[in-house]
Amino acid sequence: MVLVLLIGLNLWQQYKWENWCEQVNPIFYQLIRENQGRITPVDLAIRGNFPGTSAKRYLDSKATEFGTSFTETVGDNQTYYFITASILGDILDSSEPAKKNTTSLGGKNAYALVAPPLTTPIDEVGEEEVGIKKTLTQQLAFGSLLQSELAKRLNVYSSTIYKRRNDPDFAEWSRSRDPDGIAWSFSRKTKDFFPVD
């Protein structure tokens, strides 16, 4: 009799958990989109207005479900990285030496040159490099770079930019890697990187 009662209680708790998870899923997916796959239990608990222990248990179950095993621990706070197709695309883009960036516009592909990092002073370069420098200047006149473009400029992987973009010392770190000594900052709203004045 007690065994049947314990099994019934366990099934009821599992049913309640699954219903709760169904209500949290839209919040979780929205946070994943907003933060490009990076999420902490605190982020989820604040957005959903529920206890941190529930948020951590939920994220642990999602990490198991999606095979996310990499977590970064700072103190007691863990950061979970859920790789989406767009993040994976940025990582793959950064590993290819291609100089074209394709964007779909109304069913047609538009190509834009992405300037590689310049390490040679402008006086010592040929006409081709000067053309690249002009292209970069035109991009900066527009005001921002995408994550994959900044990664190429700083000569690092796109995933490195992704992981460091919210660090307090990101501007100084990017300045130290930028061939022209430009510091960069990340806009959460537009998901672009802008030069710091």
N, C-alpha and C. Protein backbone atom coordinates (compact mmCIF):
# COMPACT_ATOMS: atom_id res chain seq x y z
N MET A 1 0.81 -1.19 0.00
CA MET A 1 0.00 0.00 0.00
C MET A 1 0.86 1.26 0.00
N VAL A 2 1.89 1.27 0.85
CA VAL A 2 2.79 2.43 0.93
C VAL A 2 3.55 2.58 -0.38
N LEU A 3 3.95 1.46 -0.97
CA LEU A 3 4.68 1.49 -2.24
C LEU A 3 3.81 2.10 -3.34
N VAL A 4 2.55 1.74 -3.41
CA VAL A 4 1.63 2.29 -4.40
C VAL A 4 1.46 3.79 -4.17
N LEU A 5 1.39 4.19 -2.91
CA LEU A 5 1.25 5.61 -2.58
C LEU A 5 2.50 6.39 -3.01
N LEU A 6 3.69 5.83 -2.77
CA LEU A 6 4.93 6.49 -3.18
C LEU A 6 5.04 6.60 -4.70
N ILE A 7 4.66 5.55 -5.39
CA ILE A 7 4.69 5.57 -6.86
C ILE A 7 3.70 6.61 -7.37
N GLY A 8 2.51 6.64 -6.80
CA GLY A 8 1.51 7.64 -7.20
C GLY A 8 2.00 9.06 -6.95
N LEU A 9 2.64 9.29 -5.80
CA LEU A 9 3.17 10.61 -5.47
C LEU A 9 4.29 11.00 -6.45
N ASN A 10 5.14 10.04 -6.77
CA ASN A 10 6.22 10.29 -7.72
C ASN A 10 5.66 10.64 -9.10
N LEU A 11 4.67 9.92 -9.55
CA LEU A 11 4.05 10.20 -10.85
C LEU A 11 3.38 11.58 -10.86
N TRP A 12 2.74 11.94 -9.75
CA TRP A 12 2.09 13.25 -9.64
C TRP A 12 3.13 14.37 -9.70
N GLN A 13 4.24 14.20 -8.99
CA GLN A 13 5.30 15.21 -9.01
C GLN A 13 5.90 15.33 -10.42
N GLN A 14 6.09 14.21 -11.08
CA GLN A 14 6.62 14.23 -12.46
C GLN A 14 5.65 14.94 -13.39
N TYR A 15 4.37 14.70 -13.23
CA TYR A 15 3.34 15.36 -14.05
C TYR A 15 3.35 16.87 -13.83
N LYS A 16 3.42 17.30 -12.56
CA LYS A 16 3.47 18.73 -12.24
C LYS A 16 4.73 19.37 -12.83
N TRP A 17 5.87 18.69 -12.73
CA TRP A 17 7.13 19.21 -13.27
C TRP A 17 7.05 19.39 -14.79
N GLU A 18 6.51 18.40 -15.46
CA GLU A 18 6.40 18.49 -16.93
C GLU A 18 5.47 19.63 -17.35
N ASN A 19 4.37 19.82 -16.63
CA ASN A 19 3.47 20.95 -16.93
C ASN A 19 4.17 22.28 -16.69
N TRP A 20 4.92 22.38 -15.60
CA TRP A 20 5.66 23.60 -15.29
C TRP A 20 6.70 23.88 -16.38
N CYS A 21 7.39 22.84 -16.81
CA CYS A 21 8.41 22.99 -17.87
C CYS A 21 7.78 23.49 -19.17
N GLU A 22 6.60 23.02 -19.48
CA GLU A 22 5.90 23.48 -20.69
C GLU A 22 5.62 24.98 -20.61
N GLN A 23 5.34 25.49 -19.43
CA GLN A 23 5.09 26.92 -19.26
C GLN A 23 6.39 27.73 -19.32
N VAL A 24 7.51 27.13 -18.91
CA VAL A 24 8.80 27.83 -18.88
C VAL A 24 9.48 27.79 -20.26
N ASN A 25 9.18 26.81 -21.08
CA ASN A 25 9.85 26.66 -22.38
C ASN A 25 9.87 27.94 -23.21
N PRO A 26 8.75 28.66 -23.38
CA PRO A 26 8.82 29.89 -24.19
C PRO A 26 9.78 30.94 -23.61
N ILE A 27 9.84 31.05 -22.30
CA ILE A 27 10.77 31.99 -21.66
C ILE A 27 12.20 31.57 -21.95
N PHE A 28 12.47 30.28 -21.80
CA PHE A 28 13.81 29.72 -22.06
C PHE A 28 14.24 29.99 -23.50
N TYR A 29 13.39 29.68 -24.46
CA TYR A 29 13.76 29.87 -25.87
C TYR A 29 13.95 31.36 -26.21
N GLN A 30 13.17 32.22 -25.59
CA GLN A 30 13.34 33.65 -25.84
C GLN A 30 14.70 34.12 -25.29
N LEU A 31 15.06 33.68 -24.10
CA LEU A 31 16.36 34.05 -23.53
C LEU A 31 17.51 33.51 -24.37
N ILE A 32 17.36 32.31 -24.90
CA ILE A 32 18.40 31.73 -25.75
C ILE A 32 18.59 32.60 -26.98
N ARG A 33 17.50 33.05 -27.60
CA ARG A 33 17.60 33.92 -28.79
C ARG A 33 18.23 35.26 -28.43
N GLU A 34 17.80 35.85 -27.33
CA GLU A 34 18.29 37.17 -26.93
C GLU A 34 19.77 37.15 -26.58
N ASN A 35 20.23 36.08 -25.94
CA ASN A 35 21.60 36.01 -25.45
C ASN A 35 22.50 35.12 -26.29
N GLN A 36 22.04 34.77 -27.48
CA GLN A 36 22.79 33.92 -28.41
C GLN A 36 23.30 32.65 -27.74
N GLY A 37 22.40 31.97 -27.04
CA GLY A 37 22.70 30.67 -26.47
C GLY A 37 23.25 30.67 -25.07
N ARG A 38 23.58 31.81 -24.53
CA ARG A 38 24.20 31.90 -23.21
C ARG A 38 23.12 32.23 -22.17
N ILE A 39 23.06 31.42 -21.11
CA ILE A 39 22.02 31.63 -20.10
C ILE A 39 22.50 31.14 -18.75
N THR A 40 22.07 31.82 -17.70
CA THR A 40 22.38 31.41 -16.34
C THR A 40 21.08 31.13 -15.60
N PRO A 41 21.13 30.37 -14.51
CA PRO A 41 19.91 30.15 -13.72
C PRO A 41 19.31 31.46 -13.22
N VAL A 42 20.17 32.44 -12.91
CA VAL A 42 19.67 33.73 -12.42
C VAL A 42 18.85 34.41 -13.52
N ASP A 43 19.36 34.39 -14.78
CA ASP A 43 18.62 34.99 -15.90
C ASP A 43 17.21 34.40 -16.00
N LEU A 44 17.16 33.07 -15.96
CA LEU A 44 15.88 32.38 -16.11
C LEU A 44 14.97 32.64 -14.92
N ALA A 45 15.52 32.62 -13.70
CA ALA A 45 14.71 32.84 -12.50
C ALA A 45 14.13 34.25 -12.49
N ILE A 46 14.93 35.24 -12.88
CA ILE A 46 14.44 36.62 -12.90
C ILE A 46 13.34 36.78 -13.95
N ARG A 47 13.59 36.27 -15.16
CA ARG A 47 12.61 36.43 -16.24
C ARG A 47 11.31 35.70 -15.92
N GLY A 48 11.42 34.50 -15.32
CA GLY A 48 10.22 33.71 -15.05
C GLY A 48 9.60 33.96 -13.69
N ASN A 49 10.31 34.69 -12.82
CA ASN A 49 9.83 34.99 -11.48
C ASN A 49 9.54 33.71 -10.69
N PHE A 50 10.54 32.83 -10.63
CA PHE A 50 10.42 31.62 -9.83
C PHE A 50 11.77 31.35 -9.15
N PRO A 51 11.82 30.40 -8.22
CA PRO A 51 13.04 30.17 -7.44
C PRO A 51 14.23 29.74 -8.30
N GLY A 52 15.41 30.13 -7.85
CA GLY A 52 16.65 29.79 -8.55
C GLY A 52 16.90 28.29 -8.60
N THR A 53 16.49 27.56 -7.57
CA THR A 53 16.69 26.11 -7.57
C THR A 53 15.88 25.46 -8.69
N SER A 54 14.68 25.98 -8.92
CA SER A 54 13.86 25.45 -10.02
C SER A 54 14.49 25.80 -11.37
N ALA A 55 15.03 27.01 -11.48
CA ALA A 55 15.67 27.43 -12.73
C ALA A 55 16.89 26.56 -13.02
N LYS A 56 17.70 26.28 -11.99
CA LYS A 56 18.88 25.44 -12.18
C LYS A 56 18.49 24.02 -12.57
N ARG A 57 17.48 23.47 -11.90
CA ARG A 57 17.02 22.12 -12.24
C ARG A 57 16.52 22.08 -13.68
N TYR A 58 15.78 23.11 -14.08
CA TYR A 58 15.26 23.19 -15.45
C TYR A 58 16.41 23.24 -16.45
N LEU A 59 17.40 24.12 -16.19
CA LEU A 59 18.53 24.25 -17.12
C LEU A 59 19.37 22.97 -17.17
N ASP A 60 19.51 22.31 -16.04
CA ASP A 60 20.23 21.03 -16.04
C ASP A 60 19.51 20.01 -16.92
N SER A 61 18.17 19.99 -16.84
CA SER A 61 17.42 19.04 -17.67
C SER A 61 17.52 19.41 -19.15
N LYS A 62 17.51 20.72 -19.47
CA LYS A 62 17.66 21.16 -20.87
C LYS A 62 19.07 20.87 -21.38
N ALA A 63 20.07 21.03 -20.51
CA ALA A 63 21.45 20.72 -20.91
C ALA A 63 21.57 19.25 -21.26
N THR A 64 20.91 18.39 -20.50
CA THR A 64 20.91 16.96 -20.80
C THR A 64 20.14 16.69 -22.09
N GLU A 65 19.00 17.33 -22.25
CA GLU A 65 18.16 17.12 -23.43
C GLU A 65 18.88 17.52 -24.72
N PHE A 66 19.58 18.66 -24.69
CA PHE A 66 20.23 19.17 -25.89
C PHE A 66 21.70 18.80 -25.98
N GLY A 67 22.20 18.05 -25.01
CA GLY A 67 23.59 17.62 -25.06
C GLY A 67 24.57 18.74 -24.79
N THR A 68 24.16 19.73 -24.03
CA THR A 68 25.04 20.83 -23.68
C THR A 68 25.80 20.43 -22.43
N SER A 69 27.08 20.21 -22.58
CA SER A 69 27.85 19.79 -21.42
C SER A 69 28.79 20.88 -20.93
N PHE A 70 29.08 21.88 -21.77
CA PHE A 70 30.02 22.93 -21.39
C PHE A 70 29.32 23.97 -20.55
N THR A 71 29.77 24.14 -19.34
CA THR A 71 29.28 25.22 -18.48
C THR A 71 30.48 25.93 -17.91
N GLU A 72 30.34 27.21 -17.72
CA GLU A 72 31.40 28.03 -17.12
C GLU A 72 30.93 28.37 -15.72
N THR A 73 31.76 28.14 -14.73
CA THR A 73 31.38 28.39 -13.36
C THR A 73 32.14 29.59 -12.81
N VAL A 74 31.41 30.56 -12.30
CA VAL A 74 31.99 31.70 -11.61
C VAL A 74 31.33 31.72 -10.24
N GLY A 75 32.07 31.35 -9.21
CA GLY A 75 31.47 31.21 -7.88
C GLY A 75 30.47 30.06 -7.92
N ASP A 76 29.26 30.34 -7.48
CA ASP A 76 28.20 29.32 -7.52
C ASP A 76 27.34 29.45 -8.76
N ASN A 77 27.61 30.45 -9.60
CA ASN A 77 26.77 30.71 -10.77
C ASN A 77 27.34 30.03 -12.00
N GLN A 78 26.54 29.22 -12.66
CA GLN A 78 26.96 28.53 -13.87
C GLN A 78 26.36 29.22 -15.09
N THR A 79 27.13 29.23 -16.17
CA THR A 79 26.64 29.73 -17.44
C THR A 79 26.51 28.56 -18.38
N TYR A 80 25.35 28.41 -18.97
CA TYR A 80 25.08 27.32 -19.91
C TYR A 80 25.15 27.88 -21.33
N TYR A 81 25.76 27.15 -22.23
CA TYR A 81 25.85 27.55 -23.63
C TYR A 81 25.06 26.55 -24.47
N PHE A 82 23.97 27.02 -25.06
CA PHE A 82 23.17 26.19 -25.94
C PHE A 82 23.47 26.64 -27.36
N ILE A 83 24.06 25.78 -28.17
CA ILE A 83 24.47 26.14 -29.52
C ILE A 83 23.26 26.08 -30.44
N THR A 84 22.94 27.24 -31.03
CA THR A 84 21.86 27.32 -32.02
C THR A 84 22.47 27.33 -33.41
N ALA A 85 21.64 27.23 -34.43
CA ALA A 85 22.14 27.23 -35.80
C ALA A 85 22.87 28.52 -36.13
N SER A 86 22.38 29.66 -35.65
CA SER A 86 23.05 30.93 -35.97
C SER A 86 24.41 31.02 -35.29
N ILE A 87 24.53 30.54 -34.06
CA ILE A 87 25.82 30.54 -33.36
C ILE A 87 26.77 29.59 -34.07
N LEU A 88 26.29 28.42 -34.43
CA LEU A 88 27.11 27.45 -35.15
C LEU A 88 27.57 28.03 -36.48
N GLY A 89 26.69 28.75 -37.16
CA GLY A 89 27.06 29.39 -38.42
C GLY A 89 28.17 30.40 -38.22
N ASP A 90 28.10 31.19 -37.13
CA ASP A 90 29.16 32.15 -36.84
C ASP A 90 30.48 31.45 -36.59
N ILE A 91 30.44 30.34 -35.84
CA ILE A 91 31.66 29.59 -35.57
C ILE A 91 32.24 29.04 -36.86
N LEU A 92 31.38 28.46 -37.71
CA LEU A 92 31.87 27.92 -38.98
C LEU A 92 32.38 29.02 -39.90
N ASP A 93 31.71 30.17 -39.89
CA ASP A 93 32.17 31.31 -40.69
C ASP A 93 33.57 31.73 -40.27
N SER A 94 33.80 31.74 -38.96
CA SER A 94 35.09 32.21 -38.48
C SER A 94 36.21 31.23 -38.77
N SER A 95 35.88 29.98 -39.04
CA SER A 95 36.93 29.00 -39.32
C SER A 95 37.27 28.91 -40.80
N GLU A 96 36.50 29.59 -41.66
CA GLU A 96 36.76 29.59 -43.10
C GLU A 96 37.51 30.85 -43.50
N PRO A 97 38.44 30.73 -44.45
CA PRO A 97 39.17 31.90 -44.89
C PRO A 97 38.44 32.73 -45.94
N ALA A 98 37.17 32.45 -46.17
CA ALA A 98 36.42 33.14 -47.22
C ALA A 98 36.35 34.63 -46.94
N LYS A 99 36.34 35.43 -48.02
CA LYS A 99 36.28 36.88 -47.87
C LYS A 99 34.94 37.43 -48.30
N LYS A 100 33.99 36.54 -48.56
CA LYS A 100 32.65 37.00 -48.92
C LYS A 100 31.69 36.66 -47.81
N ASN A 101 30.78 37.55 -47.57
CA ASN A 101 29.75 37.33 -46.57
C ASN A 101 28.42 37.39 -47.30
N THR A 102 27.65 36.31 -47.28
CA THR A 102 26.41 36.24 -48.03
C THR A 102 25.23 36.54 -47.13
N THR A 103 24.35 37.40 -47.60
CA THR A 103 23.13 37.73 -46.87
C THR A 103 21.97 37.57 -47.83
N SER A 104 20.89 36.97 -47.36
CA SER A 104 19.72 36.78 -48.20
C SER A 104 18.82 38.01 -48.12
N LEU A 105 18.53 38.59 -49.26
CA LEU A 105 17.64 39.74 -49.33
C LEU A 105 16.53 39.43 -50.31
N GLY A 106 15.35 39.18 -49.81
CA GLY A 106 14.21 38.92 -50.67
C GLY A 106 14.42 37.76 -51.62
N GLY A 107 15.06 36.69 -51.15
CA GLY A 107 15.26 35.52 -51.98
C GLY A 107 16.52 35.59 -52.83
N LYS A 108 17.21 36.73 -52.86
CA LYS A 108 18.44 36.88 -53.63
C LYS A 108 19.60 37.02 -52.66
N ASN A 109 20.77 36.57 -53.07
CA ASN A 109 21.94 36.68 -52.23
C ASN A 109 22.68 37.98 -52.52
N ALA A 110 23.06 38.68 -51.48
CA ALA A 110 23.87 39.89 -51.62
C ALA A 110 25.24 39.60 -51.03
N TYR A 111 26.29 39.99 -51.72
CA TYR A 111 27.64 39.72 -51.27
C TYR A 111 28.30 41.01 -50.81
N ALA A 112 29.01 40.94 -49.71
CA ALA A 112 29.75 42.09 -49.22
C ALA A 112 31.13 41.63 -48.81
N LEU A 113 32.14 42.38 -49.18
CA LEU A 113 33.50 42.04 -48.78
C LEU A 113 33.67 42.28 -47.30
N VAL A 114 34.35 41.34 -46.64
CA VAL A 114 34.68 41.49 -45.24
C VAL A 114 36.17 41.71 -45.17
N ALA A 115 36.58 42.81 -44.61
CA ALA A 115 38.00 43.14 -44.58
C ALA A 115 38.72 42.31 -43.52
N PRO A 116 39.85 41.68 -43.91
CA PRO A 116 40.63 40.95 -42.92
C PRO A 116 41.44 41.92 -42.08
N PRO A 117 41.96 41.45 -40.95
CA PRO A 117 42.76 42.35 -40.13
C PRO A 117 44.00 42.82 -40.87
N LEU A 118 44.33 44.08 -40.71
CA LEU A 118 45.54 44.62 -41.32
C LEU A 118 46.64 44.64 -40.28
N THR A 119 47.80 44.08 -40.65
CA THR A 119 48.92 44.09 -39.72
C THR A 119 50.10 44.87 -40.26
N THR A 120 50.00 45.32 -41.51
CA THR A 120 51.08 46.06 -42.15
C THR A 120 50.71 47.53 -42.21
N PRO A 121 51.65 48.45 -41.91
CA PRO A 121 51.34 49.87 -42.01
C PRO A 121 50.90 50.24 -43.43
N ILE A 122 50.03 51.21 -43.55
CA ILE A 122 49.42 51.57 -44.83
C ILE A 122 50.47 52.01 -45.85
N ASP A 123 51.62 52.58 -45.40
CA ASP A 123 52.65 53.03 -46.33
C ASP A 123 53.33 51.87 -47.03
N GLU A 124 53.32 50.67 -46.43
CA GLU A 124 54.06 49.54 -46.96
C GLU A 124 53.18 48.55 -47.72
N VAL A 125 51.95 48.88 -48.01
CA VAL A 125 51.05 47.93 -48.66
C VAL A 125 50.79 48.32 -50.10
N GLY A 126 50.32 47.35 -50.88
CA GLY A 126 50.02 47.60 -52.28
C GLY A 126 48.61 48.11 -52.47
N GLU A 127 48.21 48.24 -53.74
CA GLU A 127 46.89 48.78 -54.06
C GLU A 127 45.77 47.89 -53.56
N GLU A 128 45.97 46.57 -53.61
CA GLU A 128 44.91 45.65 -53.15
C GLU A 128 44.61 45.87 -51.68
N GLU A 129 45.66 45.99 -50.84
CA GLU A 129 45.46 46.20 -49.42
C GLU A 129 44.82 47.56 -49.14
N VAL A 130 45.17 48.57 -49.94
CA VAL A 130 44.56 49.88 -49.77
C VAL A 130 43.06 49.79 -50.06
N GLY A 131 42.68 48.99 -51.07
CA GLY A 131 41.27 48.76 -51.37
C GLY A 131 40.56 48.10 -50.21
N ILE A 132 41.23 47.15 -49.55
CA ILE A 132 40.65 46.49 -48.37
C ILE A 132 40.48 47.50 -47.25
N LYS A 133 41.48 48.35 -47.06
CA LYS A 133 41.40 49.38 -46.02
C LYS A 133 40.22 50.31 -46.28
N LYS A 134 39.99 50.67 -47.55
CA LYS A 134 38.86 51.53 -47.89
C LYS A 134 37.55 50.81 -47.59
N THR A 135 37.49 49.50 -47.89
CA THR A 135 36.27 48.74 -47.61
C THR A 135 35.99 48.75 -46.11
N LEU A 136 37.02 48.55 -45.29
CA LEU A 136 36.85 48.58 -43.84
C LEU A 136 36.37 49.95 -43.39
N THR A 137 36.96 51.00 -43.96
CA THR A 137 36.54 52.35 -43.61
C THR A 137 35.08 52.56 -43.95
N GLN A 138 34.64 52.03 -45.10
CA GLN A 138 33.23 52.15 -45.47
C GLN A 138 32.35 51.40 -44.48
N GLN A 139 32.80 50.21 -44.03
CA GLN A 139 32.02 49.45 -43.04
C GLN A 139 31.90 50.24 -41.74
N LEU A 140 33.02 50.81 -41.29
CA LEU A 140 33.00 51.55 -40.04
C LEU A 140 32.18 52.82 -40.17
N ALA A 141 32.12 53.39 -41.37
CA ALA A 141 31.27 54.56 -41.59
C ALA A 141 29.82 54.18 -41.37
N PHE A 142 29.47 52.93 -41.71
CA PHE A 142 28.13 52.43 -41.45
C PHE A 142 27.90 52.33 -39.94
N GLY A 143 28.98 52.05 -39.19
CA GLY A 143 28.89 52.13 -37.74
C GLY A 143 29.03 50.85 -36.97
N SER A 144 28.95 49.68 -37.58
CA SER A 144 29.01 48.46 -36.79
C SER A 144 29.57 47.30 -37.59
N LEU A 145 29.96 46.27 -36.86
CA LEU A 145 30.40 45.01 -37.46
C LEU A 145 29.62 43.87 -36.83
N LEU A 146 29.40 42.82 -37.61
CA LEU A 146 28.81 41.60 -37.08
C LEU A 146 29.86 40.85 -36.27
N GLN A 147 29.43 39.89 -35.48
CA GLN A 147 30.35 39.12 -34.65
C GLN A 147 31.41 38.43 -35.50
N SER A 148 31.03 37.82 -36.61
CA SER A 148 32.00 37.11 -37.44
C SER A 148 32.98 38.09 -38.09
N GLU A 149 32.51 39.29 -38.43
CA GLU A 149 33.39 40.30 -39.03
C GLU A 149 34.40 40.80 -38.01
N LEU A 150 33.94 41.04 -36.78
CA LEU A 150 34.86 41.50 -35.74
C LEU A 150 35.87 40.40 -35.42
N ALA A 151 35.42 39.15 -35.41
CA ALA A 151 36.34 38.04 -35.13
C ALA A 151 37.46 38.01 -36.17
N LYS A 152 37.11 38.20 -37.43
CA LYS A 152 38.14 38.22 -38.48
C LYS A 152 39.07 39.41 -38.29
N ARG A 153 38.50 40.54 -37.93
CA ARG A 153 39.31 41.75 -37.72
C ARG A 153 40.29 41.58 -36.56
N LEU A 154 39.84 40.94 -35.48
CA LEU A 154 40.69 40.76 -34.31
C LEU A 154 41.54 39.49 -34.40
N ASN A 155 41.32 38.73 -35.48
CA ASN A 155 42.07 37.49 -35.72
C ASN A 155 41.86 36.46 -34.60
N VAL A 156 40.57 36.28 -34.23
CA VAL A 156 40.18 35.28 -33.24
C VAL A 156 38.96 34.53 -33.78
N TYR A 157 38.59 33.47 -33.11
CA TYR A 157 37.39 32.75 -33.49
C TYR A 157 36.14 33.54 -33.09
N SER A 158 35.09 33.35 -33.84
CA SER A 158 33.82 34.01 -33.53
C SER A 158 33.32 33.60 -32.15
N SER A 159 33.55 32.36 -31.77
CA SER A 159 33.12 31.89 -30.46
C SER A 159 33.86 32.62 -29.33
N THR A 160 35.10 33.03 -29.58
CA THR A 160 35.84 33.80 -28.58
C THR A 160 35.19 35.16 -28.37
N ILE A 161 34.80 35.80 -29.46
CA ILE A 161 34.10 37.08 -29.36
C ILE A 161 32.80 36.88 -28.58
N TYR A 162 32.06 35.83 -28.92
CA TYR A 162 30.79 35.55 -28.27
C TYR A 162 30.96 35.39 -26.75
N LYS A 163 31.98 34.64 -26.35
CA LYS A 163 32.18 34.38 -24.93
C LYS A 163 32.65 35.61 -24.17
N ARG A 164 33.39 36.51 -24.83
CA ARG A 164 33.98 37.66 -24.14
C ARG A 164 33.17 38.94 -24.27
N ARG A 165 32.17 38.97 -25.14
CA ARG A 165 31.49 40.22 -25.50
C ARG A 165 30.85 40.95 -24.32
N ASN A 166 30.45 40.26 -23.27
CA ASN A 166 29.82 40.90 -22.12
C ASN A 166 30.79 41.13 -20.96
N ASP A 167 32.06 40.79 -21.16
CA ASP A 167 33.06 41.01 -20.12
C ASP A 167 33.26 42.50 -19.91
N PRO A 168 33.49 42.93 -18.67
CA PRO A 168 33.70 44.36 -18.41
C PRO A 168 34.93 44.92 -19.12
N ASP A 169 35.93 44.07 -19.37
CA ASP A 169 37.15 44.55 -20.02
C ASP A 169 37.17 44.27 -21.52
N PHE A 170 35.99 44.03 -22.11
CA PHE A 170 35.94 43.69 -23.54
C PHE A 170 36.53 44.80 -24.41
N ALA A 171 36.22 46.05 -24.10
CA ALA A 171 36.71 47.17 -24.91
C ALA A 171 38.23 47.19 -24.91
N GLU A 172 38.83 47.05 -23.74
CA GLU A 172 40.30 47.08 -23.66
C GLU A 172 40.90 45.85 -24.32
N TRP A 173 40.29 44.69 -24.13
CA TRP A 173 40.76 43.46 -24.76
C TRP A 173 40.71 43.59 -26.28
N SER A 174 39.59 44.11 -26.81
CA SER A 174 39.47 44.25 -28.26
C SER A 174 40.46 45.29 -28.80
N ARG A 175 40.70 46.36 -28.04
CA ARG A 175 41.68 47.38 -28.46
C ARG A 175 43.07 46.76 -28.60
N SER A 176 43.41 45.86 -27.66
CA SER A 176 44.75 45.25 -27.70
C SER A 176 44.92 44.31 -28.89
N ARG A 177 43.82 43.81 -29.44
CA ARG A 177 43.89 42.89 -30.58
C ARG A 177 43.62 43.57 -31.91
N ASP A 178 42.99 44.73 -31.89
CA ASP A 178 42.62 45.42 -33.12
C ASP A 178 43.85 45.99 -33.81
N PRO A 179 43.99 45.77 -35.11
CA PRO A 179 45.18 46.25 -35.82
C PRO A 179 45.31 47.78 -35.81
N ASP A 180 44.19 48.49 -35.67
CA ASP A 180 44.24 49.95 -35.64
C ASP A 180 44.05 50.49 -34.22
N GLY A 181 44.04 49.61 -33.22
CA GLY A 181 43.90 50.05 -31.84
C GLY A 181 42.51 50.55 -31.49
N ILE A 182 41.48 50.08 -32.22
CA ILE A 182 40.10 50.50 -31.97
C ILE A 182 39.50 49.61 -30.88
N ALA A 183 38.87 50.23 -29.89
CA ALA A 183 38.15 49.48 -28.86
C ALA A 183 36.72 49.27 -29.35
N TRP A 184 36.14 48.11 -29.03
CA TRP A 184 34.80 47.76 -29.51
C TRP A 184 33.89 47.48 -28.33
N SER A 185 32.60 47.73 -28.53
CA SER A 185 31.59 47.39 -27.52
C SER A 185 30.44 46.66 -28.21
N PHE A 186 29.74 45.84 -27.42
CA PHE A 186 28.64 45.02 -27.93
C PHE A 186 27.31 45.65 -27.58
N SER A 187 26.42 45.71 -28.56
CA SER A 187 25.06 46.20 -28.32
C SER A 187 24.13 45.00 -28.20
N ARG A 188 23.55 44.80 -27.03
CA ARG A 188 22.60 43.69 -26.84
C ARG A 188 21.35 43.87 -27.70
N LYS A 189 21.00 45.12 -27.95
CA LYS A 189 19.78 45.41 -28.70
C LYS A 189 19.91 45.01 -30.16
N THR A 190 21.01 45.43 -30.81
CA THR A 190 21.18 45.16 -32.24
C THR A 190 22.03 43.93 -32.52
N LYS A 191 22.72 43.43 -31.49
CA LYS A 191 23.63 42.27 -31.61
C LYS A 191 24.81 42.58 -32.51
N ASP A 192 25.18 43.87 -32.64
CA ASP A 192 26.33 44.30 -33.42
C ASP A 192 27.40 44.84 -32.50
N PHE A 193 28.59 45.07 -33.07
CA PHE A 193 29.72 45.61 -32.33
C PHE A 193 30.05 46.98 -32.89
N PHE A 194 30.23 47.95 -31.99
CA PHE A 194 30.47 49.33 -32.39
C PHE A 194 31.82 49.81 -31.86
N PRO A 195 32.50 50.69 -32.61
CA PRO A 195 33.75 51.26 -32.08
C PRO A 195 33.43 52.18 -30.91
N VAL A 196 34.29 52.12 -29.89
CA VAL A 196 34.13 52.98 -28.72
C VAL A 196 34.86 54.28 -28.99
N ASP A 197 34.20 55.40 -28.75
CA ASP A 197 34.83 56.71 -28.97
C ASP A 197 35.89 56.99 -27.93
